[in-house]
Structure formats: structure tokens, C-alpha cells
C-alpha atoms as a PDB file:
ATOM      1  CA  MET A   1     -30.299  -1.560  20.636  1.00  0.00           C
ATOM      2  CA  SER A   2     -31.714   1.879  21.403  1.00  0.00           C
ATOM      3  CA  GLN A   3     -33.430   3.960  18.778  1.00  0.00           C
ATOM      4  CA  ASN A   4     -30.475   6.375  18.580  1.00  0.00           C
ATOM      5  CA  GLU A   5     -27.965   3.495  18.183  1.00  0.00           C
ATOM      6  CA  GLU A   6     -30.178   1.971  15.452  1.00  0.00           C
ATOM      7  CA  LYS A   7     -30.126   5.242  13.533  1.00  0.00           C
ATOM      8  CA  THR A   8     -26.355   5.450  13.837  1.00  0.00           C
ATOM      9  CA  ALA A   9     -26.006   1.856  12.709  1.00  0.00           C
ATOM     10  CA  GLU A  10     -28.285   2.472   9.774  1.00  0.00           C
ATOM     11  CA  GLU A  11     -26.299   5.620   8.741  1.00  0.00           C
ATOM     12  CA  LEU A  12     -23.011   3.789   9.180  1.00  0.00           C
ATOM     13  CA  ALA A  13     -24.147   0.914   6.917  1.00  0.00           C
ATOM     14  CA  TYR A  14     -25.476   3.404   4.345  1.00  0.00           C
ATOM     15  CA  CYS A  15     -22.072   5.152   4.235  1.00  0.00           C
ATOM     16  CA  VAL A  16     -20.268   1.845   3.761  1.00  0.00           C
ATOM     17  CA  LYS A  17     -22.860   0.797   1.172  1.00  0.00           C
ATOM     18  CA  SER A  18     -22.395  -2.799   2.082  1.00  0.00           C
ATOM     19  CA  ASP A  19     -24.495  -5.801   1.242  1.00  0.00           C
ATOM     20  CA  MET A  20     -23.855  -6.982   4.778  1.00  0.00           C
ATOM     21  CA  ASP A  21     -26.630  -6.722   7.336  1.00  0.00           C
ATOM     22  CA  ILE A  22     -26.577  -3.313   9.088  1.00  0.00           C
ATOM     23  CA  GLU A  23     -26.383  -4.777  12.556  1.00  0.00           C
ATOM     24  CA  ASN A  24     -23.568  -7.147  11.554  1.00  0.00           C
ATOM     25  CA  ILE A  25     -21.386  -4.285  10.329  1.00  0.00           C
ATOM     26  CA  VAL A  26     -21.894  -2.298  13.495  1.00  0.00           C
ATOM     27  CA  GLY A  27     -21.550  -5.424  15.592  1.00  0.00           C
ATOM     28  CA  LYS A  28     -18.211  -6.325  14.005  1.00  0.00           C
ATOM     29  CA  PHE A  29     -16.822  -2.884  14.506  1.00  0.00           C
ATOM     30  CA  LYS A  30     -18.680  -1.932  17.687  1.00  0.00           C
ATOM     31  CA  HIS A  31     -16.086  -3.251  20.142  1.00  0.00           C
ATOM     32  CA  ASP A  32     -13.168  -1.417  18.535  1.00  0.00           C
ATOM     33  CA  LEU A  33     -15.100   1.569  17.272  1.00  0.00           C
ATOM     34  CA  GLN A  34     -17.169   2.350  20.366  1.00  0.00           C
ATOM     35  CA  GLU A  35     -14.459   4.694  21.546  1.00  0.00           C
ATOM     36  CA  LEU A  36     -14.812   6.774  18.386  1.00  0.00           C
ATOM     37  CA  ASP A  37     -17.595   9.185  17.657  1.00  0.00           C
ATOM     38  CA  TYR A  38     -19.853   8.520  14.719  1.00  0.00           C
ATOM     39  CA  GLY A  39     -17.963  10.822  12.324  1.00  0.00           C
ATOM     40  CA  ASN A  40     -14.692   9.046  13.035  1.00  0.00           C
ATOM     41  CA  ARG A  41     -16.341   5.674  12.581  1.00  0.00           C
ATOM     42  CA  VAL A  42     -17.497   6.575   9.138  1.00  0.00           C
ATOM     43  CA  ALA A  43     -14.093   8.128   8.375  1.00  0.00           C
ATOM     44  CA  ALA A  44     -12.269   4.983   9.508  1.00  0.00           C
ATOM     45  CA  ILE A  45     -14.367   2.759   7.196  1.00  0.00           C
ATOM     46  CA  ARG A  46     -14.121   5.137   4.256  1.00  0.00           C
ATOM     47  CA  LYS A  47     -10.370   5.547   4.683  1.00  0.00           C
ATOM     48  CA  ALA A  48      -9.943   1.767   4.750  1.00  0.00           C
ATOM     49  CA  ILE A  49     -11.930   1.338   1.519  1.00  0.00           C
ATOM     50  CA  GLU A  50     -10.009   4.239  -0.087  1.00  0.00           C
ATOM     51  CA  HIS A  51      -6.691   2.591   0.707  1.00  0.00           C
ATOM     52  CA  LEU A  52      -7.890  -0.794  -0.623  1.00  0.00           C
ATOM     53  CA  ASN A  53      -9.012   0.923  -3.808  1.00  0.00           C
ATOM     54  CA  GLN A  54      -5.506   2.370  -4.149  1.00  0.00           C
ATOM     55  CA  GLY A  55      -4.176  -1.158  -4.175  1.00  0.00           C
ATOM     56  CA  CYS A  56      -2.989  -1.306  -0.595  1.00  0.00           C
ATOM     57  CA  THR A  57      -2.953  -4.659   1.189  1.00  0.00           C
ATOM     58  CA  VAL A  58      -5.434  -5.551   3.947  1.00  0.00           C
ATOM     59  CA  ASN A  59      -2.463  -5.903   6.310  1.00  0.00           C
ATOM     60  CA  TYR A  60      -1.471  -2.323   5.568  1.00  0.00           C
ATOM     61  CA  VAL A  61      -5.034  -1.104   6.201  1.00  0.00           C
ATOM     62  CA  ALA A  62      -5.254  -3.104   9.453  1.00  0.00           C
ATOM     63  CA  ASP A  63      -1.971  -1.548  10.570  1.00  0.00           C
ATOM     64  CA  GLY A  64      -3.373   1.817   9.562  1.00  0.00           C
ATOM     65  CA  PHE A  65      -6.408   1.292  11.761  1.00  0.00           C
ATOM     66  CA  ARG A  66      -3.981   0.858  14.729  1.00  0.00           C
ATOM     67  CA  GLU A  67      -1.972   3.927  13.733  1.00  0.00           C
ATOM     68  CA  TRP A  68      -4.769   6.263  12.590  1.00  0.00           C
ATOM     69  CA  TYR A  69      -7.487   5.373  15.056  1.00  0.00           C
ATOM     70  CA  GLY A  70      -5.932   3.165  17.766  1.00  0.00           C
ATOM     71  CA  ILE A  71      -8.120   0.257  16.657  1.00  0.00           C
ATOM     72  CA  THR A  72      -6.746  -3.290  16.625  1.00  0.00           C
ATOM     73  CA  ILE A  73      -8.680  -5.509  14.248  1.00  0.00           C
ATOM     74  CA  ASP A  74      -7.859  -8.957  12.847  1.00  0.00           C
ATOM     75  CA  THR A  75      -6.985  -8.760   9.126  1.00  0.00           C
ATOM     76  CA  ASP A  76      -9.277 -11.653   8.264  1.00  0.00           C
ATOM     77  CA  GLU A  77     -12.178  -9.981  10.028  1.00  0.00           C
ATOM     78  CA  LEU A  78     -11.397  -6.658   8.299  1.00  0.00           C
ATOM     79  CA  LYS A  79     -11.156  -8.422   4.925  1.00  0.00           C
ATOM     80  CA  LYS A  80     -14.593 -10.071   5.416  1.00  0.00           C
ATOM     81  CA  ILE A  81     -16.162  -6.769   6.243  1.00  0.00           C
ATOM     82  CA  LEU A  82     -14.568  -4.454   3.694  1.00  0.00           C
ATOM     83  CA  LEU A  83     -14.437  -6.777   0.694  1.00  0.00           C
ATOM     84  CA  GLN A  84     -18.225  -6.785   0.709  1.00  0.00           C
ATOM     85  CA  SER A  85     -18.461  -3.038   0.257  1.00  0.00           C
ATOM     86  CA  LYS A  86     -20.176  -1.799  -2.871  1.00  0.00           C
ATOM     87  CA  ASP A  87     -17.653   1.083  -2.972  1.00  0.00           C
ATOM     88  CA  LEU A  88     -14.726  -1.290  -3.364  1.00  0.00           C
ATOM     89  CA  LEU A  89     -13.272  -1.260  -6.889  1.00  0.00           C
ATOM     90  CA  PRO A  90     -12.898  -4.553  -8.781  1.00  0.00           C
ATOM     91  CA  GLU A  91      -9.636  -6.361  -8.015  1.00  0.00           C
ATOM     92  CA  GLU A  92      -8.077  -5.703 -11.465  1.00  0.00           C
ATOM     93  CA  GLU A  93      -8.718  -1.983 -11.131  1.00  0.00           C
ATOM     94  CA  ARG A  94      -7.203  -1.981  -7.624  1.00  0.00           C
ATOM     95  CA  LYS A  95      -4.156  -3.767  -8.997  1.00  0.00           C
ATOM     96  CA  GLY A  96      -3.817  -1.192 -11.762  1.00  0.00           C
ATOM     97  CA  ASN A  97      -3.878   1.537  -9.166  1.00  0.00           C
ATOM     98  CA  ILE A  98      -0.749   0.042  -7.601  1.00  0.00           C
ATOM     99  CA  ASP A  99       1.283   0.834 -10.750  1.00  0.00           C
ATOM    100  CA  LYS A 100      -0.169   4.310 -10.915  1.00  0.00           C
ATOM    101  CA  ASN A 101       0.751   4.972  -7.308  1.00  0.00           C
ATOM    102  CA  LEU A 102       4.235   3.542  -7.672  1.00  0.00           C
ATOM    103  CA  LEU A 103       4.864   5.735 -10.622  1.00  0.00           C
ATOM    104  CA  SER A 104       3.447   8.922  -9.076  1.00  0.00           C
ATOM    105  CA  LEU A 105       2.607   9.136  -5.357  1.00  0.00           C
ATOM    106  CA  GLU A 106       5.273   6.737  -4.147  1.00  0.00           C
ATOM    107  CA  ARG A 107       8.041   7.898  -6.503  1.00  0.00           C
ATOM    108  CA  PRO A 108      10.399  10.108  -4.504  1.00  0.00           C
ATOM    109  CA  GLU A 109      11.020  13.507  -6.062  1.00  0.00           C
ATOM    110  CA  ASP A 110      14.711  13.590  -5.287  1.00  0.00           C
ATOM    111  CA  GLY A 111      15.123   9.989  -6.410  1.00  0.00           C
ATOM    112  CA  LYS A 112      17.190   9.099  -3.399  1.00  0.00           C
ATOM    113  CA  LYS A 113      14.795   8.353  -0.593  1.00  0.00           C
ATOM    114  CA  ILE A 114      12.743   5.255  -1.219  1.00  0.00           C
ATOM    115  CA  ASP A 115      11.564   2.794   1.365  1.00  0.00           C
ATOM    116  CA  LEU A 116      11.306  -0.628  -0.223  1.00  0.00           C
ATOM    117  CA  ALA A 117      10.126  -2.348   2.989  1.00  0.00           C
ATOM    118  CA  TYR A 118       7.283   0.145   3.252  1.00  0.00           C
ATOM    119  CA  LEU A 119       6.245  -0.328  -0.366  1.00  0.00           C
ATOM    120  CA  GLN A 120       6.382  -4.109  -0.030  1.00  0.00           C
ATOM    121  CA  HIS A 121       4.103  -3.913   3.044  1.00  0.00           C
ATOM    122  CA  LYS A 122       1.730  -1.378   1.449  1.00  0.00           C
ATOM    123  CA  TYR A 123       1.368  -2.943  -1.978  1.00  0.00           C
ATOM    124  CA  LYS A 124       2.857  -6.453  -1.608  1.00  0.00           C
ATOM    125  CA  LYS A 125       5.238  -5.718  -4.510  1.00  0.00           C
ATOM    126  CA  GLY A 126       8.940  -6.341  -4.157  1.00  0.00           C
ATOM    127  CA  TYR A 127      12.130  -5.135  -5.739  1.00  0.00           C
ATOM    128  CA  PRO A 128      11.889  -7.112  -9.025  1.00  0.00           C
ATOM    129  CA  TYR A 129       8.378  -5.827  -9.715  1.00  0.00           C
ATOM    130  CA  ILE A 130       9.072  -2.187  -8.872  1.00  0.00           C
ATOM    131  CA  ASP A 131      12.424  -2.186 -10.680  1.00  0.00           C
ATOM    132  CA  ASP A 132      10.788  -3.654 -13.803  1.00  0.00           C
ATOM    133  CA  LEU A 133       7.902  -1.148 -13.624  1.00  0.00           C
ATOM    134  CA  TYR A 134      10.311   1.755 -13.356  1.00  0.00           C
ATOM    135  CA  ARG A 135      12.535   0.452 -16.192  1.00  0.00           C
ATOM    136  CA  LYS A 136       9.517   0.266 -18.494  1.00  0.00           C
ATOM    137  CA  ASN A 137       8.017   3.648 -17.551  1.00  0.00           C
ATOM    138  CA  ILE A 138      10.768   6.006 -16.449  1.00  0.00           C
ATOM    139  CA  PHE A 139      13.090   7.444 -19.081  1.00  0.00           C
ATOM    140  CA  ASN A 140      16.785   7.134 -18.084  1.00  0.00           C
ATOM    141  CA  TYR A 141      15.999   5.063 -15.043  1.00  0.00           C
ATOM    142  CA  SER A 142      19.067   2.843 -15.423  1.00  0.00           C
ATOM    143  CA  GLY A 143      21.931   4.368 -13.482  1.00  0.00           C
ATOM    144  CA  SER A 144      19.751   7.030 -11.951  1.00  0.00           C
ATOM    145  CA  ASP A 145      19.672   7.908  -8.269  1.00  0.00           C
ATOM    146  CA  LEU A 146      16.274   6.243  -7.966  1.00  0.00           C
ATOM    147  CA  CYS A 147      17.593   3.088  -9.509  1.00  0.00           C
ATOM    148  CA  GLU A 148      20.549   2.973  -7.155  1.00  0.00           C
ATOM    149  CA  ALA A 149      18.426   3.858  -4.067  1.00  0.00           C
ATOM    150  CA  LEU A 150      15.941   1.104  -4.845  1.00  0.00           C
ATOM    151  CA  TYR A 151      18.706  -1.424  -5.398  1.00  0.00           C
ATOM    152  CA  PHE A 152      20.405  -0.306  -2.185  1.00  0.00           C
ATOM    153  CA  GLN A 153      17.190  -0.983  -0.262  1.00  0.00           C
ATOM    154  CA  ALA A 154      16.933  -4.465  -1.820  1.00  0.00           C
ATOM    155  CA  VAL A 155      20.567  -5.274  -1.065  1.00  0.00           C
ATOM    156  CA  CYS A 156      20.313  -4.078   2.511  1.00  0.00           C
ATOM    157  CA  ASN A 157      17.275  -6.280   3.033  1.00  0.00           C
ATOM    158  CA  LEU A 158      19.232  -9.305   1.819  1.00  0.00           C
ATOM    159  CA  CYS A 159      22.737  -8.718   3.165  1.00  0.00           C
ATOM    160  CA  LYS A 160      24.034  -9.319   6.664  1.00  0.00           C
ATOM    161  CA  ASP A 161      27.434  -7.500   6.634  1.00  0.00           C
ATOM    162  CA  ARG A 162      29.029  -4.451   5.043  1.00  0.00           C
ATOM    163  CA  SER A 163      31.454  -6.356   2.792  1.00  0.00           C
ATOM    164  CA  GLU A 164      28.566  -8.171   1.190  1.00  0.00           C
ATOM    165  CA  ILE A 165      26.851  -4.839   0.521  1.00  0.00           C
ATOM    166  CA  ASP A 166      30.040  -3.357  -0.947  1.00  0.00           C
ATOM    167  CA  GLU A 167      30.429  -6.316  -3.274  1.00  0.00           C
ATOM    168  CA  TYR A 168      26.855  -5.922  -4.497  1.00  0.00           C
ATOM    169  CA  PHE A 169      27.494  -2.236  -5.255  1.00  0.00           C
ATOM    170  CA  LYS A 170      30.645  -2.941  -7.214  1.00  0.00           C
ATOM    171  CA  ASN A 171      28.595  -5.299  -9.318  1.00  0.00           C
ATOM    172  CA  LEU A 172      25.777  -2.749  -9.504  1.00  0.00           C
ATOM    173  CA  LYS A 173      28.064  -0.070 -10.829  1.00  0.00           C
ATOM    174  CA  ARG A 174      29.283  -2.419 -13.589  1.00  0.00           C
ATOM    175  CA  GLU A 175      25.761  -3.510 -14.443  1.00  0.00           C
ATOM    176  CA  ARG A 176      24.407   0.036 -14.491  1.00  0.00           C
ATOM    177  CA  GLU A 177      27.198   1.281 -16.699  1.00  0.00           C
ATOM    178  CA  ALA A 178      26.541  -1.543 -19.137  1.00  0.00           C
ATOM    179  CA  ALA A 179      22.765  -0.818 -19.029  1.00  0.00           C
ATOM    180  CA  ARG A 180      23.312   2.883 -19.556  1.00  0.00           C
ATOM    181  CA  LYS A 181      25.537   2.240 -22.597  1.00  0.00           C
ATOM    182  CA  LYS A 182      22.986  -0.188 -23.965  1.00  0.00           C
ATOM    183  CA  GLU A 183      20.212   2.425 -23.532  1.00  0.00           C
ATOM    184  CA  GLU A 184      22.311   5.109 -25.180  1.00  0.00           C
ATOM    185  CA  GLN A 185      22.950   2.830 -28.145  1.00  0.00           C
ATOM    186  CA  ARG A 186      19.246   2.069 -28.396  1.00  0.00           C
ATOM    187  CA  ILE A 187      18.422   5.810 -28.645  1.00  0.00           C
END
């Protein structure tokens, strides 16, 4: 390793603040990151840690590496490297950030456009979890556009034909009306 490469490796490891040996970090990333300049290398690692701290899955981050930087990296290898970072929040705090993000950043403003498959990939949380979270934390969620949009996404993921989807929505309408009346009586 040349003196210049050693300095870059040292700076990179310092930015990651990892317990891992400096040369191991650079060695693991060197093949995929050698196309990127130093600033983008640091940005790639920081962005990965930032997303993990938000509660994103390692699979989502690995896919992000492909999308953001054109880097293909095995999720197990990425996990080994990033989970050693001193900047990574404790697991419970990362899990808590999932709820915060689902209730703020990921909550569509118009209440109609929600991508359940994306949320499942990003946070590894499915319809029952998200629906329950919204019911507990969003006033008048039952019967809302957001409630129906989320349910629609779940149904579409499960159903194979249109008649099955229509049947689900007839049942949904009945359930939502009953839930809305129950909520109104509670208030």
C-alpha cells in the first residue's frame, strides 16, 4: 500500500469510527469502492450508517448501495462491516426510529399514496404492524384515506384476481364503518 493510499485508508476508517482494523475496512470495500473518489467513499459509508440508524434493513442499504453508487455488495459482508461502527445506534434505538419514521417521513401527506412493499423492504414491517401503529397514533385513522390506501396495498399483495379484491373491499367498507361508529361512541 502506498503512503497516499495508507493516508486515505486511515481517514476512511476514522470517518467510519470502526473498531475494525483500518486495512480490513478499506480491503473489504476496496474492490467495489475503488471506482469512487475518496469523498464518495466516505459518503457511501456514512449514508449506509445513517439509514441503519433510521431503522432501515441491511438489505435496503445494500440495494441502496447499488442504486446510489453502483456498488454491489453482499448483505452479510455489509452487515459485518457496518454493525461494528461506533456511530451505529443501539438496536432498540434504531427500532424506535422505525416508528418515528413511519409516523412522519413515510406517512403520505395526501393519505392516498402509500407503498407497502417499499415500507416492508425498507423497515421489515408489514401491514399488521403499520396498521396497528397508525391506529394507536393517528386520530381518526379508521375509515381515512390512509387506512384504505394501506389496506388496498395489503390486499393487492395477497390477491390474484379482481373479484377477490372487490370482495375484500366490500368487507373493508363494512369493517371501517363499524370501526368509525365505535370510535365516535368512544369520543
